[in-house]
Amino acid sequence: MTTPPPAEATASTPPAQESLLQTLKGLWQELPGLVSDRVELLSLELHRAGLALAQIAALVVAAAILGVTAWLVLWGMVVALLVMAGLHWLAALGLALLANLLAAWWAVARVRKLLPALKL
């Protein structure tokens, strides 16, 4: 003979379903707040990233200016050494100009060679 299930088991089943339903309703009500918090966090992180990007851009510009200045000083020293070695100052400047033009030509030729790699 089979015994009926205890009264506690049958009585506890509907409240568990109601509890799950209440939990889902509560989660649904809290969802806008959770999304809002995530959006606010994303906004703050993007703001911080934007500030960092602005600082990086400013530092890159400063580094480029300092690099160009160092390059000019280097070539000034090369020209001065050539003049001290007995070369006419105009010839020394011409050699420095020629060296820089050759380097620029090489860089442009290299860029032109790499351009086809950008086509997909």
Protein backbone atom coordinates (compact mmCIF):
# COMPACT_ATOMS: atom_id res chain seq x y z
CA MET A 1 0.00 0.00 0.00
CA THR A 2 1.38 3.37 -0.96
CA THR A 3 1.47 6.21 1.45
CA PRO A 4 0.51 9.70 0.36
CA PRO A 5 3.29 12.28 0.27
CA PRO A 6 3.72 14.29 3.42
CA ALA A 7 1.57 17.39 3.71
CA GLU A 8 4.66 19.58 4.07
CA ALA A 9 5.99 18.65 0.60
CA THR A 10 2.76 19.51 -1.20
CA ALA A 11 2.31 22.70 0.77
CA SER A 12 5.85 23.88 0.13
CA THR A 13 5.74 23.44 -3.65
CA PRO A 14 3.44 26.40 -4.49
CA PRO A 15 5.34 28.87 -2.27
CA ALA A 16 8.61 27.85 -3.98
CA GLN A 17 7.07 28.67 -7.36
CA GLU A 18 5.73 31.93 -6.00
CA SER A 19 9.13 32.65 -4.54
CA LEU A 20 10.77 32.10 -7.94
CA LEU A 21 8.17 34.35 -9.53
CA GLN A 22 8.77 37.04 -6.90
CA THR A 23 12.52 36.74 -7.46
CA LEU A 24 12.10 37.16 -11.21
CA LYS A 25 9.80 40.15 -10.70
CA GLY A 26 12.30 41.71 -8.31
CA LEU A 27 15.13 41.13 -10.77
CA TRP A 28 13.06 42.67 -13.54
CA GLN A 29 12.41 45.74 -11.38
CA GLU A 30 16.11 46.09 -10.48
CA LEU A 31 17.30 45.61 -14.07
CA PRO A 32 17.13 49.31 -15.05
CA GLY A 33 19.27 50.20 -12.03
CA LEU A 34 21.81 47.51 -12.88
CA VAL A 35 22.00 48.67 -16.50
CA SER A 36 22.25 52.28 -15.36
CA ASP A 37 25.18 51.42 -13.10
CA ARG A 38 26.96 49.63 -15.96
CA VAL A 39 26.38 52.57 -18.31
CA GLU A 40 27.69 55.01 -15.72
CA LEU A 41 30.78 52.86 -15.17
CA LEU A 42 31.37 52.68 -18.93
CA SER A 43 30.97 56.46 -19.16
CA LEU A 44 33.55 57.02 -16.42
CA GLU A 45 35.99 54.58 -18.01
CA LEU A 46 35.59 56.24 -21.42
CA HIS A 47 36.17 59.65 -19.85
CA ARG A 48 39.35 58.42 -18.18
CA ALA A 49 40.50 56.82 -21.44
CA GLY A 50 39.81 60.09 -23.28
CA LEU A 51 41.94 62.05 -20.82
CA ALA A 52 44.74 59.51 -21.15
CA LEU A 53 44.52 59.72 -24.96
CA ALA A 54 44.77 63.53 -24.83
CA GLN A 55 47.87 63.28 -22.62
CA ILE A 56 49.40 60.69 -24.94
CA ALA A 57 48.76 62.92 -27.98
CA ALA A 58 50.35 65.92 -26.24
CA LEU A 59 53.38 63.86 -25.23
CA VAL A 60 53.77 62.49 -28.78
CA VAL A 61 53.74 66.05 -30.15
CA ALA A 62 56.32 67.12 -27.54
CA ALA A 63 58.50 64.10 -28.37
CA ALA A 64 58.27 64.88 -32.09
CA ILE A 65 59.29 68.50 -31.51
CA LEU A 66 62.21 67.42 -29.33
CA GLY A 67 63.21 64.79 -31.88
CA VAL A 68 63.24 67.32 -34.72
CA THR A 69 65.25 69.71 -32.56
CA ALA A 70 67.79 66.99 -31.81
CA TRP A 71 67.98 66.10 -35.51
CA LEU A 72 68.67 69.74 -36.43
CA VAL A 73 71.34 70.03 -33.73
CA LEU A 74 72.95 66.80 -34.95
CA TRP A 75 73.18 68.06 -38.51
CA GLY A 76 74.42 71.44 -37.28
CA MET A 77 77.23 69.61 -35.49
CA VAL A 78 78.01 67.54 -38.61
CA VAL A 79 78.18 70.71 -40.72
CA ALA A 80 80.38 72.40 -38.09
CA LEU A 81 82.74 69.40 -38.06
CA LEU A 82 82.93 69.41 -41.87
CA VAL A 83 83.73 73.13 -41.84
CA MET A 84 86.38 72.58 -39.15
CA ALA A 85 87.84 69.81 -41.34
CA GLY A 86 88.38 72.38 -44.07
CA LEU A 87 85.27 71.98 -46.22
CA HIS A 88 83.63 75.19 -47.36
CA TRP A 89 80.50 75.94 -45.29
CA LEU A 90 78.29 75.97 -48.39
CA ALA A 91 79.55 72.53 -49.44
CA ALA A 92 79.00 71.21 -45.90
CA LEU A 93 75.41 72.49 -45.91
CA GLY A 94 74.90 70.99 -49.37
CA LEU A 95 76.10 67.59 -48.15
CA ALA A 96 73.76 67.75 -45.15
CA LEU A 97 70.87 68.70 -47.44
CA LEU A 98 71.71 65.89 -49.85
CA ALA A 99 71.86 63.33 -47.03
CA ASN A 100 68.45 64.44 -45.72
CA LEU A 101 66.89 64.46 -49.19
CA LEU A 102 68.18 60.91 -49.81
CA ALA A 103 66.72 59.75 -46.49
CA ALA A 104 63.37 61.40 -47.33
CA TRP A 105 63.39 59.79 -50.80
CA TRP A 106 64.06 56.37 -49.24
CA ALA A 107 61.19 56.84 -46.75
CA VAL A 108 58.74 57.85 -49.51
CA ALA A 109 59.84 54.91 -51.68
CA ARG A 110 59.32 52.54 -48.75
CA VAL A 111 55.83 53.96 -48.11
CA ARG A 112 54.93 53.53 -51.79
CA LYS A 113 56.12 49.94 -51.64
CA LEU A 114 53.96 49.28 -48.54
CA LEU A 115 50.78 50.94 -49.89
CA PRO A 116 49.56 47.85 -51.79
CA ALA A 117 49.54 45.96 -48.48
CA LEU A 118 46.66 48.21 -47.33
CA LYS A 119 44.34 46.93 -50.07
CA LEU A 120 42.15 44.11 -48.83
